[in-house]
């Protein structure tokens, strides 16, 4: 069957040959159907055939003016669109390495639209003619799938070796962090996960929600079940107890412990024995540092030894401190309330430090203690009236996990 567009093209060509007798009229129909039919290049809500197009990536130290001035956009127009963008997608959020496109509608090649792609899930249109800015969310297809693997060295490295997304590793660590010590997992431990993969135009763009996770560690089986309604939203164990504790176990993701709490540690900079009343988490420069619990910032300062640091009071008993930051996050200052998991700074090596890490210190009743050895307060349990509904979800998700074959990554039926 001919496509409708092809049929119209054939009809138009047939009329042309019938009314213009100077040309052949005996061309077989099968030859006509092979003639090319112009296709529409429809992207970002525009017919690209109507524009002169420039596509590129933002280079380091390039700003909006650097990108638009070569396309005959004056400074006033750039200032106006930057002002219009403040409450939509601030031009200061443009990042090096990201793709952009400039569309010009006439022969002067003066830019009419600037299109920026912060990620595969959305794009931003800066309409330079109407001085308007809009964010467009792409249509996302969500596909339920499962993955499993056996640990060789770390969860992250195992995920990478199986071409699984680092986002999945992060979500599994978030779900299981207080049940599984990911700094001491062993070769032969294994995991299973049931989650969404996100696709845009048939291209995989990331990981959506994690619905259930399983980890076998030191002859113990750990399950994390996602449960969400108007009152609850989080991961729970098989008995309906919250997996997420009052305190995160670590202030940095994808890190390793480079130095533990030790009252008689040999200091690598001072070259003498000096108590190390914290836990060092090594991570690359610029890695986000997270508040381990809700609280109020009491200090955001710098000293010769600590470098840039932030201290947080969580309640009358507990305080935490984060040392050697490259810098604190925007808005972090004394008196500011922070939430668990909020970025408060970035890994650096300021102060007495030999490399990039965060020295994490923990106070209980005014005394510095080893947080890894504490029995910290438990979160509020799920109400008993909620358990019957939770148990239905739990049983369904546990059954899915239990039926995933080890070392088989495959899509499961919904």
Foldseek 3Di string as FASTA:
>chain_A
DDDPQLVVQLVVVQVVCVVPVVDDNPPDSVVSSPDDDDDFPADPNDRQVQWDKDKDFAAPPDFPCNVQVVQVDDPVLVVLLQVQCPVAPHSVPRDGPWMKMFTDRDPSSRGQWIKTDPFPQWIKIQGSVVSHIHIDGADKDKAKWKDKAFDDDAPQVGCVVVVHDVVVVVLVCQQQVVPDPRQDFDGGKMKMWIFIFIDGPNHTGGTDDTAKMWIQGPNDIWIWGADDDPVDGATATLQQFGNQFQFGPAQFPPWHFPDAQAQFDQQPQVRHTHGQLFTKTADDWFGFGWGGHKFFWAAQDADQAFGTKTKTDRDQFKIKMKGQFPHFDPPRGGGDIDGGGDGGTTWHHHHRGDTTIITMWMTTNRDTDGPVPDPDDGDDGDDPVCVVVVNVSSVVVVVVRVPDDHPDITRDDD
